[in-house]
Amino acid sequence: MPQKGPLKVIYIAGYGRSGTTLLDIALGQQPGVFAAGELTALARHVWKEREFCACRKQADECGFWARVSSAWLNGRQPGAMDRYGNLLARSEWLIDPRRLLWRFGASKQGSAYAEATQNLLQEVANASGSSVIVDSSKLPGRAAALLSIEDIEVYVVHMVRDGRGVGWSMAKPYQRSVEDGIQKELKPNPIWYTAARWASVNLGVEMLRRRLPRQRSIRVRYEDFVADPERAVKSVMAMVGLTYERPPQGKDVMIPQHQIAGSRHRMQNEIRIKKDNGWMARMPRAKRRLFSALAAPLLSRYGYFASDTPDEDARLSPESKVREEAA
């Protein structure tokens, strides 16, 4: 069936370990919605490194991504995927003055990016039979670049999690296990580094949302999502003009499909959503205080109170309501 109107893309933006992959998978349970995972990674490293799709097959052996890539590469010169990956790395910056030239057709890079990206997204839509594509690539610069493509209608979901929980997760090392979705060894990050990155990325998403009409962006807190995933998904579906349908397996169970890159959780046969607030009890108070001191304004803005005791956090940070805040 031919596509009617511009292709809709739900772009999930935010910092790592904030539940972006889980929300991606949850949205993918809805009819007419295909959850692609971190789509920018396909050309940047997934295809080249033969990384695994959530179906537990390497991307070039996965029937879905092999079909998409074959259709997209048809008629292109050898090495097109690698060249496109390099183009993405040069084009997907949050602030890029060269993007002003794209709108007037005065940039070869902009034209090449728009043509290749639009075609790839359309092949994903064709192969999946979906009218809405979810891209959980996270970094706001990609969404900013997508906004420059005329025939793509971008909706942004700002996924945010209490930065102290993110900092505690980022402080843990993970060994490389490609088949389990961990593409490289992950070394622990110091709390100050994660605080700086968490703040800068979320501020970048704030800047991005200001470029969109109010009705085309929403903020969802991780804590609210895991407390009531159905309500969060309903809110996102309403934003893009679709009606929510409860999945046959129930509202709290998600079945990954063909997500690429992203959290290792996508490699499970099914995911049962549950809260992960272990950091409140296990994160040393000194590290909690350091993160709170460095990121207090945003912690407060997003409803995370800069307290140092887990009991007070639990009392002051209710997790029963999805926040839909305008930028």
C-alpha atoms as a PDB file:
ATOM      1  CA  MET A   1       0.000   0.000   0.000  1.00  0.00           C
ATOM      2  CA  PRO A   2       1.513   3.371  -0.961  1.00  0.00           C
ATOM      3  CA  GLN A   3       2.435   5.750   1.822  1.00  0.00           C
ATOM      4  CA  LYS A   4      -0.122   8.514   2.375  1.00  0.00           C
ATOM      5  CA  GLY A   5       1.453  11.790   3.471  1.00  0.00           C
ATOM      6  CA  PRO A   6       4.868  12.149   5.119  1.00  0.00           C
ATOM      7  CA  LEU A   7       6.353   9.193   6.934  1.00  0.00           C
ATOM      8  CA  LYS A   8       6.032   9.602  10.691  1.00  0.00           C
ATOM      9  CA  VAL A   9       9.070   8.986  12.872  1.00  0.00           C
ATOM     10  CA  ILE A  10       8.871   8.768  16.660  1.00  0.00           C
ATOM     11  CA  TYR A  11      12.339   9.751  17.803  1.00  0.00           C
ATOM     12  CA  ILE A  12      13.241   8.768  21.375  1.00  0.00           C
ATOM     13  CA  ALA A  13      15.910  11.139  22.672  1.00  0.00           C
ATOM     14  CA  GLY A  14      17.754  11.066  25.971  1.00  0.00           C
ATOM     15  CA  TYR A  15      20.833   9.768  27.729  1.00  0.00           C
ATOM     16  CA  GLY A  16      21.899   6.119  27.890  1.00  0.00           C
ATOM     17  CA  ARG A  17      20.547   3.748  30.568  1.00  0.00           C
ATOM     18  CA  SER A  18      17.335   5.785  30.707  1.00  0.00           C
ATOM     19  CA  GLY A  19      14.936   3.200  29.293  1.00  0.00           C
ATOM     20  CA  THR A  20      14.947   4.358  25.663  1.00  0.00           C
ATOM     21  CA  THR A  21      15.217   0.798  24.316  1.00  0.00           C
ATOM     22  CA  LEU A  22      12.410  -0.403  26.592  1.00  0.00           C
ATOM     23  CA  LEU A  23      10.097   2.356  25.388  1.00  0.00           C
ATOM     24  CA  ASP A  24      11.095   1.588  21.791  1.00  0.00           C
ATOM     25  CA  ILE A  25      10.094  -2.061  22.255  1.00  0.00           C
ATOM     26  CA  ALA A  26       6.865  -1.129  24.049  1.00  0.00           C
ATOM     27  CA  LEU A  27       5.809   1.140  21.173  1.00  0.00           C
ATOM     28  CA  GLY A  28       6.664  -1.625  18.721  1.00  0.00           C
ATOM     29  CA  GLN A  29       3.890  -3.778  20.212  1.00  0.00           C
ATOM     30  CA  GLN A  30       1.338  -1.420  18.635  1.00  0.00           C
ATOM     31  CA  PRO A  31      -0.247  -2.085  15.200  1.00  0.00           C
ATOM     32  CA  GLY A  32       1.130   0.148  12.460  1.00  0.00           C
ATOM     33  CA  VAL A  33       4.280   0.952  14.449  1.00  0.00           C
ATOM     34  CA  PHE A  34       7.703  -0.547  13.735  1.00  0.00           C
ATOM     35  CA  ALA A  35      10.358  -0.168  16.440  1.00  0.00           C
ATOM     36  CA  ALA A  36      13.743  -0.113  14.701  1.00  0.00           C
ATOM     37  CA  GLY A  37      16.015   0.428  17.682  1.00  0.00           C
ATOM     38  CA  GLU A  38      18.956   2.799  17.238  1.00  0.00           C
ATOM     39  CA  LEU A  39      18.628   3.208  13.500  1.00  0.00           C
ATOM     40  CA  THR A  40      21.646   5.468  13.081  1.00  0.00           C
ATOM     41  CA  ALA A  41      23.794   2.529  14.225  1.00  0.00           C
ATOM     42  CA  LEU A  42      22.852   0.381  11.213  1.00  0.00           C
ATOM     43  CA  ALA A  43      25.264   2.115   8.865  1.00  0.00           C
ATOM     44  CA  ARG A  44      27.684   3.398  11.490  1.00  0.00           C
ATOM     45  CA  HIS A  45      28.686   0.003  12.884  1.00  0.00           C
ATOM     46  CA  VAL A  46      25.924  -2.665  13.019  1.00  0.00           C
ATOM     47  CA  TRP A  47      26.213  -3.760   9.385  1.00  0.00           C
ATOM     48  CA  LYS A  48      29.995  -3.508   9.210  1.00  0.00           C
ATOM     49  CA  GLU A  49      30.594  -5.335  12.500  1.00  0.00           C
ATOM     50  CA  ARG A  50      27.825  -7.882  11.833  1.00  0.00           C
ATOM     51  CA  GLU A  51      26.176  -7.073  15.146  1.00  0.00           C
ATOM     52  CA  PHE A  52      23.074  -8.871  16.340  1.00  0.00           C
ATOM     53  CA  CYS A  53      19.451  -7.918  15.791  1.00  0.00           C
ATOM     54  CA  ALA A  54      17.000  -8.534  18.645  1.00  0.00           C
ATOM     55  CA  CYS A  55      15.880 -11.651  16.740  1.00  0.00           C
ATOM     56  CA  ARG A  56      19.301 -13.076  17.733  1.00  0.00           C
ATOM     57  CA  LYS A  57      20.607 -13.196  14.175  1.00  0.00           C
ATOM     58  CA  GLN A  58      23.418 -11.076  12.830  1.00  0.00           C
ATOM     59  CA  ALA A  59      22.062  -8.085  10.933  1.00  0.00           C
ATOM     60  CA  ASP A  60      23.065  -9.355   7.485  1.00  0.00           C
ATOM     61  CA  GLU A  61      21.440 -12.735   8.248  1.00  0.00           C
ATOM     62  CA  CYS A  62      18.268 -11.282   9.743  1.00  0.00           C
ATOM     63  CA  GLY A  63      15.518 -11.633   7.145  1.00  0.00           C
ATOM     64  CA  PHE A  64      14.094  -8.196   7.927  1.00  0.00           C
ATOM     65  CA  TRP A  65      17.304  -6.120   7.873  1.00  0.00           C
ATOM     66  CA  ALA A  66      18.719  -8.099   4.948  1.00  0.00           C
ATOM     67  CA  ARG A  67      15.571  -7.237   2.961  1.00  0.00           C
ATOM     68  CA  VAL A  68      15.744  -3.563   3.965  1.00  0.00           C
ATOM     69  CA  SER A  69      19.433  -3.254   3.165  1.00  0.00           C
ATOM     70  CA  SER A  70      19.121  -5.088  -0.150  1.00  0.00           C
ATOM     71  CA  ALA A  71      16.349  -2.752  -1.291  1.00  0.00           C
ATOM     72  CA  TRP A  72      18.194   0.350  -0.042  1.00  0.00           C
ATOM     73  CA  LEU A  73      21.517  -0.657  -1.614  1.00  0.00           C
ATOM     74  CA  ASN A  74      19.959  -1.571  -4.964  1.00  0.00           C
ATOM     75  CA  GLY A  75      21.456   0.680  -7.631  1.00  0.00           C
ATOM     76  CA  ARG A  76      24.049   2.190  -5.286  1.00  0.00           C
ATOM     77  CA  GLN A  77      27.782   1.860  -5.743  1.00  0.00           C
ATOM     78  CA  PRO A  78      29.783  -0.752  -3.762  1.00  0.00           C
ATOM     79  CA  GLY A  79      30.708   0.549  -0.312  1.00  0.00           C
ATOM     80  CA  ALA A  80      27.547   2.663  -0.090  1.00  0.00           C
ATOM     81  CA  MET A  81      26.757   1.500   3.464  1.00  0.00           C
ATOM     82  CA  ASP A  82      30.187   2.536   4.766  1.00  0.00           C
ATOM     83  CA  ARG A  83      30.001   5.889   2.999  1.00  0.00           C
ATOM     84  CA  TYR A  84      26.559   6.488   4.429  1.00  0.00           C
ATOM     85  CA  GLY A  85      27.859   5.689   7.919  1.00  0.00           C
ATOM     86  CA  ASN A  86      30.551   8.329   7.484  1.00  0.00           C
ATOM     87  CA  LEU A  87      27.926  10.785   6.226  1.00  0.00           C
ATOM     88  CA  LEU A  88      25.837  10.209   9.347  1.00  0.00           C
ATOM     89  CA  ALA A  89      28.837  10.904  11.575  1.00  0.00           C
ATOM     90  CA  ARG A  90      29.420  14.228   9.792  1.00  0.00           C
ATOM     91  CA  SER A  91      25.774  15.295   9.628  1.00  0.00           C
ATOM     92  CA  GLU A  92      24.081  14.400  12.906  1.00  0.00           C
ATOM     93  CA  TRP A  93      25.279  17.215  15.153  1.00  0.00           C
ATOM     94  CA  LEU A  94      22.838  19.115  17.339  1.00  0.00           C
ATOM     95  CA  ILE A  95      24.248  22.487  16.316  1.00  0.00           C
ATOM     96  CA  ASP A  96      25.535  22.589  12.749  1.00  0.00           C
ATOM     97  CA  PRO A  97      25.483  25.947  10.905  1.00  0.00           C
ATOM     98  CA  ARG A  98      25.863  24.085   7.603  1.00  0.00           C
ATOM     99  CA  ARG A  99      22.334  22.775   8.080  1.00  0.00           C
ATOM    100  CA  LEU A 100      21.015  26.222   7.181  1.00  0.00           C
ATOM    101  CA  LEU A 101      22.221  25.559   3.639  1.00  0.00           C
ATOM    102  CA  TRP A 102      20.331  22.265   3.439  1.00  0.00           C
ATOM    103  CA  ARG A 103      16.941  23.950   3.257  1.00  0.00           C
ATOM    104  CA  PHE A 104      17.967  25.914   0.178  1.00  0.00           C
ATOM    105  CA  GLY A 105      19.497  22.935  -1.615  1.00  0.00           C
ATOM    106  CA  ALA A 106      22.904  24.570  -1.406  1.00  0.00           C
ATOM    107  CA  SER A 107      24.691  21.691   0.305  1.00  0.00           C
ATOM    108  CA  LYS A 108      25.737  18.462  -1.391  1.00  0.00           C
ATOM    109  CA  GLN A 109      26.183  16.864   2.031  1.00  0.00           C
ATOM    110  CA  GLY A 110      22.676  17.893   3.094  1.00  0.00           C
ATOM    111  CA  SER A 111      21.108  16.643  -0.118  1.00  0.00           C
ATOM    112  CA  ALA A 112      22.945  13.338   0.108  1.00  0.00           C
ATOM    113  CA  TYR A 113      21.961  12.906   3.757  1.00  0.00           C
ATOM    114  CA  ALA A 114      18.293  13.708   3.116  1.00  0.00           C
ATOM    115  CA  GLU A 115      17.984  11.457   0.071  1.00  0.00           C
ATOM    116  CA  ALA A 116      19.742   8.446   1.608  1.00  0.00           C
ATOM    117  CA  THR A 117      18.056   8.747   5.005  1.00  0.00           C
ATOM    118  CA  GLN A 118      14.573   9.226   3.600  1.00  0.00           C
ATOM    119  CA  ASN A 119      15.032   6.237   1.302  1.00  0.00           C
ATOM    120  CA  LEU A 120      16.267   4.042   4.140  1.00  0.00           C
ATOM    121  CA  LEU A 121      13.345   4.995   6.375  1.00  0.00           C
ATOM    122  CA  GLN A 122      10.942   4.319   3.519  1.00  0.00           C
ATOM    123  CA  GLU A 123      12.439   0.866   2.959  1.00  0.00           C
ATOM    124  CA  VAL A 124      11.960   0.146   6.673  1.00  0.00           C
ATOM    125  CA  ALA A 125       8.325   1.234   6.335  1.00  0.00           C
ATOM    126  CA  ASN A 126       7.862  -0.891   3.205  1.00  0.00           C
ATOM    127  CA  ALA A 127       9.391  -4.010   4.730  1.00  0.00           C
ATOM    128  CA  SER A 128       7.458  -3.686   7.982  1.00  0.00           C
ATOM    129  CA  GLY A 129       4.177  -2.509   6.477  1.00  0.00           C
ATOM    130  CA  SER A 130       4.113   0.258   9.087  1.00  0.00           C
ATOM    131  CA  SER A 131       3.206   3.919   8.784  1.00  0.00           C
ATOM    132  CA  VAL A 132       5.154   4.946  11.898  1.00  0.00           C
ATOM    133  CA  ILE A 133       8.823   4.168  12.568  1.00  0.00           C
ATOM    134  CA  VAL A 134      10.373   4.373  16.052  1.00  0.00           C
ATOM    135  CA  ASP A 135      14.032   5.422  16.132  1.00  0.00           C
ATOM    136  CA  SER A 136      15.612   5.316  19.602  1.00  0.00           C
ATOM    137  CA  SER A 137      19.043   6.598  18.554  1.00  0.00           C
ATOM    138  CA  LYS A 138      18.930   8.888  21.640  1.00  0.00           C
ATOM    139  CA  LEU A 139      21.256  11.745  20.696  1.00  0.00           C
ATOM    140  CA  PRO A 140      19.342  14.928  19.840  1.00  0.00           C
ATOM    141  CA  GLY A 141      21.636  15.767  16.920  1.00  0.00           C
ATOM    142  CA  ARG A 142      20.144  13.007  14.788  1.00  0.00           C
ATOM    143  CA  ALA A 143      16.632  14.270  15.402  1.00  0.00           C
ATOM    144  CA  ALA A 144      17.778  17.783  14.474  1.00  0.00           C
ATOM    145  CA  ALA A 145      19.105  16.419  11.180  1.00  0.00           C
ATOM    146  CA  LEU A 146      15.900  14.454  10.535  1.00  0.00           C
ATOM    147  CA  LEU A 147      13.903  17.666  10.944  1.00  0.00           C
ATOM    148  CA  SER A 148      15.619  19.013   7.840  1.00  0.00           C
ATOM    149  CA  ILE A 149      14.074  16.282   5.638  1.00  0.00           C
ATOM    150  CA  GLU A 150      10.839  17.586   4.138  1.00  0.00           C
ATOM    151  CA  ASP A 151       8.962  14.303   3.705  1.00  0.00           C
ATOM    152  CA  ILE A 152       9.551  13.041   7.247  1.00  0.00           C
ATOM    153  CA  GLU A 153       7.326  14.147  10.141  1.00  0.00           C
ATOM    154  CA  VAL A 154       9.333  13.868  13.335  1.00  0.00           C
ATOM    155  CA  TYR A 155       7.802  13.458  16.802  1.00  0.00           C
ATOM    156  CA  VAL A 156      10.173  13.598  19.769  1.00  0.00           C
ATOM    157  CA  VAL A 157       9.858  11.685  23.029  1.00  0.00           C
ATOM    158  CA  HIS A 158      12.255  13.000  25.669  1.00  0.00           C
ATOM    159  CA  MET A 159      13.014   9.989  27.854  1.00  0.00           C
ATOM    160  CA  VAL A 160      14.606  10.990  31.141  1.00  0.00           C
ATOM    161  CA  ARG A 161      15.648   9.014  34.201  1.00  0.00           C
ATOM    162  CA  ASP A 162      16.905  10.171  37.589  1.00  0.00           C
ATOM    163  CA  GLY A 163      20.523  10.938  36.792  1.00  0.00           C
ATOM    164  CA  ARG A 164      21.768   9.360  39.986  1.00  0.00           C
ATOM    165  CA  GLY A 165      20.350   6.026  38.866  1.00  0.00           C
ATOM    166  CA  VAL A 166      21.983   6.555  35.481  1.00  0.00           C
ATOM    167  CA  GLY A 167      25.281   7.433  37.166  1.00  0.00           C
ATOM    168  CA  TRP A 168      25.169   4.297  39.299  1.00  0.00           C
ATOM    169  CA  SER A 169      24.463   2.145  36.234  1.00  0.00           C
ATOM    170  CA  MET A 170      27.254   3.797  34.251  1.00  0.00           C
ATOM    171  CA  ALA A 171      29.687   3.115  37.109  1.00  0.00           C
ATOM    172  CA  LYS A 172      29.405  -0.644  36.487  1.00  0.00           C
ATOM    173  CA  PRO A 173      31.707  -2.434  34.011  1.00  0.00           C
ATOM    174  CA  TYR A 174      30.354  -4.877  31.416  1.00  0.00           C
ATOM    175  CA  GLN A 175      32.363  -7.437  29.497  1.00  0.00           C
ATOM    176  CA  ARG A 176      31.945  -7.651  25.715  1.00  0.00           C
ATOM    177  CA  SER A 177      29.292 -10.201  24.748  1.00  0.00           C
ATOM    178  CA  VAL A 178      28.078  -9.577  21.211  1.00  0.00           C
ATOM    179  CA  GLU A 179      25.409 -12.274  21.220  1.00  0.00           C
ATOM    180  CA  ASP A 180      23.987 -10.762  24.413  1.00  0.00           C
ATOM    181  CA  GLY A 181      23.809  -7.300  22.872  1.00  0.00           C
ATOM    182  CA  ILE A 182      26.980  -5.837  24.427  1.00  0.00           C
ATOM    183  CA  GLN A 183      29.066  -4.884  21.401  1.00  0.00           C
ATOM    184  CA  LYS A 184      32.189  -3.783  23.257  1.00  0.00           C
ATOM    185  CA  GLU A 185      33.701  -3.791  26.730  1.00  0.00           C
ATOM    186  CA  LEU A 186      32.093  -1.056  28.788  1.00  0.00           C
ATOM    187  CA  LYS A 187      34.363   0.521  31.350  1.00  0.00           C
ATOM    188  CA  PRO A 188      32.960   2.282  34.416  1.00  0.00           C
ATOM    189  CA  ASN A 189      32.478   6.025  34.131  1.00  0.00           C
ATOM    190  CA  PRO A 190      33.204   8.353  37.057  1.00  0.00           C
ATOM    191  CA  ILE A 191      30.155  10.049  38.560  1.00  0.00           C
ATOM    192  CA  TRP A 192      31.284  13.558  37.617  1.00  0.00           C
ATOM    193  CA  TYR A 193      31.633  12.533  33.962  1.00  0.00           C
ATOM    194  CA  THR A 194      28.178  10.949  33.806  1.00  0.00           C
ATOM    195  CA  ALA A 195      26.652  13.977  35.540  1.00  0.00           C
ATOM    196  CA  ALA A 196      28.162  16.316  32.942  1.00  0.00           C
ATOM    197  CA  ARG A 197      27.063  14.143  30.042  1.00  0.00           C
ATOM    198  CA  TRP A 198      23.587  13.516  31.468  1.00  0.00           C
ATOM    199  CA  ALA A 199      23.027  17.242  31.892  1.00  0.00           C
ATOM    200  CA  SER A 200      24.413  18.225  28.484  1.00  0.00           C
ATOM    201  CA  VAL A 201      22.436  15.608  26.539  1.00  0.00           C
ATOM    202  CA  ASN A 202      19.172  16.438  28.303  1.00  0.00           C
ATOM    203  CA  LEU A 203      19.739  20.151  27.747  1.00  0.00           C
ATOM    204  CA  GLY A 204      20.329  19.297  24.091  1.00  0.00           C
ATOM    205  CA  VAL A 205      16.957  17.554  23.962  1.00  0.00           C
ATOM    206  CA  GLU A 206      15.381  20.646  25.537  1.00  0.00           C
ATOM    207  CA  MET A 207      16.858  22.740  22.711  1.00  0.00           C
ATOM    208  CA  LEU A 208      15.563  20.261  20.159  1.00  0.00           C
ATOM    209  CA  ARG A 209      12.023  20.310  21.539  1.00  0.00           C
ATOM    210  CA  ARG A 210      11.888  24.085  21.239  1.00  0.00           C
ATOM    211  CA  ARG A 211      12.171  23.666  17.477  1.00  0.00           C
ATOM    212  CA  LEU A 212       9.012  21.566  17.335  1.00  0.00           C
ATOM    213  CA  PRO A 213       5.333  22.461  17.731  1.00  0.00           C
ATOM    214  CA  ARG A 214       4.165  21.657  21.262  1.00  0.00           C
ATOM    215  CA  GLN A 215       1.905  18.859  20.038  1.00  0.00           C
ATOM    216  CA  ARG A 216       4.847  17.017  18.453  1.00  0.00           C
ATOM    217  CA  SER A 217       6.961  16.402  21.541  1.00  0.00           C
ATOM    218  CA  ILE A 218       6.452  14.880  24.958  1.00  0.00           C
ATOM    219  CA  ARG A 219       8.539  14.054  28.000  1.00  0.00           C
ATOM    220  CA  VAL A 220       8.302  10.640  29.669  1.00  0.00           C
ATOM    221  CA  ARG A 221      10.125   9.780  32.857  1.00  0.00           C
ATOM    222  CA  TYR A 222      11.583   6.288  33.091  1.00  0.00           C
ATOM    223  CA  GLU A 223      10.182   5.898  36.603  1.00  0.00           C
ATOM    224  CA  ASP A 224       6.667   6.740  35.426  1.00  0.00           C
ATOM    225  CA  PHE A 225       6.997   4.447  32.416  1.00  0.00           C
ATOM    226  CA  VAL A 226       7.932   1.367  34.455  1.00  0.00           C
ATOM    227  CA  ALA A 227       5.195   2.175  36.986  1.00  0.00           C
ATOM    228  CA  ASP A 228       2.497   2.437  34.294  1.00  0.00           C
ATOM    229  CA  PRO A 229       3.801   1.459  30.833  1.00  0.00           C
ATOM    230  CA  GLU A 230       0.332   1.394  29.296  1.00  0.00           C
ATOM    231  CA  ARG A 231      -0.307   5.031  30.161  1.00  0.00           C
ATOM    232  CA  ALA A 232       3.048   6.117  28.751  1.00  0.00           C
ATOM    233  CA  VAL A 233       2.490   4.275  25.462  1.00  0.00           C
ATOM    234  CA  LYS A 234      -1.042   5.666  25.189  1.00  0.00           C
ATOM    235  CA  SER A 235       0.340   9.194  25.514  1.00  0.00           C
ATOM    236  CA  VAL A 236       2.896   8.678  22.753  1.00  0.00           C
ATOM    237  CA  MET A 237       0.359   7.024  20.460  1.00  0.00           C
ATOM    238  CA  ALA A 238      -2.071   9.913  20.973  1.00  0.00           C
ATOM    239  CA  MET A 239       0.699  12.355  20.064  1.00  0.00           C
ATOM    240  CA  VAL A 240       1.084  10.757  16.607  1.00  0.00           C
ATOM    241  CA  GLY A 241      -2.668  10.416  16.097  1.00  0.00           C
ATOM    242  CA  LEU A 242      -3.002   6.673  16.658  1.00  0.00           C
ATOM    243  CA  THR A 243      -5.199   4.680  19.017  1.00  0.00           C
ATOM    244  CA  TYR A 244      -3.612   2.458  21.637  1.00  0.00           C
ATOM    245  CA  GLU A 245      -4.374  -1.262  21.536  1.00  0.00           C
ATOM    246  CA  ARG A 246      -3.476  -3.511  24.456  1.00  0.00           C
ATOM    247  CA  PRO A 247      -1.068  -6.231  23.238  1.00  0.00           C
ATOM    248  CA  PRO A 248      -2.419  -9.799  23.372  1.00  0.00           C
ATOM    249  CA  GLN A 249       0.313 -10.814  25.839  1.00  0.00           C
ATOM    250  CA  GLY A 250      -0.740  -8.077  28.306  1.00  0.00           C
ATOM    251  CA  LYS A 251       0.297  -4.538  29.109  1.00  0.00           C
ATOM    252  CA  ASP A 252       3.377  -5.417  31.205  1.00  0.00           C
ATOM    253  CA  VAL A 253       5.003  -7.915  28.831  1.00  0.00           C
ATOM    254  CA  MET A 254       6.967  -6.882  25.751  1.00  0.00           C
ATOM    255  CA  ILE A 255       8.302  -9.083  22.965  1.00  0.00           C
ATOM    256  CA  PRO A 256      11.346  -7.654  21.136  1.00  0.00           C
ATOM    257  CA  GLN A 257      11.278  -7.959  17.360  1.00  0.00           C
ATOM    258  CA  HIS A 258      13.987  -6.489  15.138  1.00  0.00           C
ATOM    259  CA  GLN A 259      15.555  -3.742  17.235  1.00  0.00           C
ATOM    260  CA  ILE A 260      19.165  -2.994  16.388  1.00  0.00           C
ATOM    261  CA  ALA A 261      21.732  -1.653  18.858  1.00  0.00           C
ATOM    262  CA  GLY A 262      20.539  -0.258  22.189  1.00  0.00           C
ATOM    263  CA  SER A 263      20.189  -1.967  25.547  1.00  0.00           C
ATOM    264  CA  ARG A 264      21.130  -5.601  26.022  1.00  0.00           C
ATOM    265  CA  HIS A 265      17.587  -6.213  27.290  1.00  0.00           C
ATOM    266  CA  ARG A 266      16.397  -6.338  23.679  1.00  0.00           C
ATOM    267  CA  MET A 267      18.042  -9.763  23.338  1.00  0.00           C
ATOM    268  CA  GLN A 268      15.526 -11.398  25.699  1.00  0.00           C
ATOM    269  CA  ASN A 269      12.662 -13.476  24.335  1.00  0.00           C
ATOM    270  CA  GLU A 270      10.264 -11.370  26.355  1.00  0.00           C
ATOM    271  CA  ILE A 271      10.605  -8.511  28.791  1.00  0.00           C
ATOM    272  CA  ARG A 272       8.524  -8.032  31.899  1.00  0.00           C
ATOM    273  CA  ILE A 273       8.641  -4.411  32.929  1.00  0.00           C
ATOM    274  CA  LYS A 274       9.657  -3.795  36.512  1.00  0.00           C
ATOM    275  CA  LYS A 275      11.131  -0.982  38.550  1.00  0.00           C
ATOM    276  CA  ASP A 276      14.902  -0.745  38.905  1.00  0.00           C
ATOM    277  CA  ASN A 277      15.538   1.512  41.879  1.00  0.00           C
ATOM    278  CA  GLY A 278      18.339  -0.522  43.433  1.00  0.00           C
ATOM    279  CA  TRP A 279      20.666   2.446  43.217  1.00  0.00           C
ATOM    280  CA  MET A 280      18.697   4.160  45.997  1.00  0.00           C
ATOM    281  CA  ALA A 281      19.926   1.594  48.496  1.00  0.00           C
ATOM    282  CA  ARG A 282      23.326   0.727  47.043  1.00  0.00           C
ATOM    283  CA  MET A 283      24.761   3.984  45.684  1.00  0.00           C
ATOM    284  CA  PRO A 284      27.207   5.485  48.234  1.00  0.00           C
ATOM    285  CA  ARG A 285      25.931   8.711  49.729  1.00  0.00           C
ATOM    286  CA  ALA A 286      29.058  10.618  48.674  1.00  0.00           C
ATOM    287  CA  LYS A 287      28.430   9.767  45.026  1.00  0.00           C
ATOM    288  CA  ARG A 288      24.754  10.661  45.335  1.00  0.00           C
ATOM    289  CA  ARG A 289      25.701  14.031  46.794  1.00  0.00           C
ATOM    290  CA  LEU A 290      28.275  14.678  44.072  1.00  0.00           C
ATOM    291  CA  PHE A 291      25.799  13.977  41.277  1.00  0.00           C
ATOM    292  CA  SER A 292      23.122  16.045  43.014  1.00  0.00           C
ATOM    293  CA  ALA A 293      25.493  18.986  43.406  1.00  0.00           C
ATOM    294  CA  LEU A 294      26.523  18.896  39.740  1.00  0.00           C
ATOM    295  CA  ALA A 295      23.052  18.411  38.264  1.00  0.00           C
ATOM    296  CA  ALA A 296      20.647  19.841  40.862  1.00  0.00           C
ATOM    297  CA  PRO A 297      18.776  22.227  38.501  1.00  0.00           C
ATOM    298  CA  LEU A 298      17.823  19.480  36.054  1.00  0.00           C
ATOM    299  CA  LEU A 299      17.102  16.958  38.798  1.00  0.00           C
ATOM    300  CA  SER A 300      14.628  19.464  40.182  1.00  0.00           C
ATOM    301  CA  ARG A 301      13.199  20.344  36.778  1.00  0.00           C
ATOM    302  CA  TYR A 302      12.412  16.714  36.023  1.00  0.00           C
ATOM    303  CA  GLY A 303      10.919  16.039  39.449  1.00  0.00           C
ATOM    304  CA  TYR A 304      13.924  14.317  40.995  1.00  0.00           C
ATOM    305  CA  PHE A 305      14.646  15.905  44.324  1.00  0.00           C
ATOM    306  CA  ALA A 306      18.291  16.352  45.254  1.00  0.00           C
ATOM    307  CA  SER A 307      17.980  14.525  48.576  1.00  0.00           C
ATOM    308  CA  ASP A 308      20.593  12.166  49.970  1.00  0.00           C
ATOM    309  CA  THR A 309      18.422   9.544  51.685  1.00  0.00           C
ATOM    310  CA  PRO A 310      16.594   6.806  49.740  1.00  0.00           C
ATOM    311  CA  ASP A 311      13.515   7.096  51.961  1.00  0.00           C
ATOM    312  CA  GLU A 312      13.154  10.783  51.192  1.00  0.00           C
ATOM    313  CA  ASP A 313      13.627  10.123  47.467  1.00  0.00           C
ATOM    314  CA  ALA A 314      10.875   7.516  47.535  1.00  0.00           C
ATOM    315  CA  ARG A 315       8.552   9.907  49.365  1.00  0.00           C
ATOM    316  CA  LEU A 316       9.195  12.974  47.224  1.00  0.00           C
ATOM    317  CA  SER A 317       9.449  11.400  43.772  1.00  0.00           C
ATOM    318  CA  PRO A 318       6.079   9.733  43.001  1.00  0.00           C
ATOM    319  CA  GLU A 319       6.177   7.242  40.166  1.00  0.00           C
ATOM    320  CA  SER A 320       2.482   6.953  39.443  1.00  0.00           C
ATOM    321  CA  LYS A 321       1.958   9.556  36.749  1.00  0.00           C
ATOM    322  CA  VAL A 322       3.419  10.069  33.284  1.00  0.00           C
ATOM    323  CA  ARG A 323       4.691  13.617  32.915  1.00  0.00           C
ATOM    324  CA  GLU A 324       3.875  15.282  29.655  1.00  0.00           C
ATOM    325  CA  GLU A 325       5.755  18.527  29.945  1.00  0.00           C
ATOM    326  CA  ALA A 326       6.089  21.089  27.206  1.00  0.00           C
ATOM    327  CA  ALA A 327       9.567  22.371  26.545  1.00  0.00           C
END
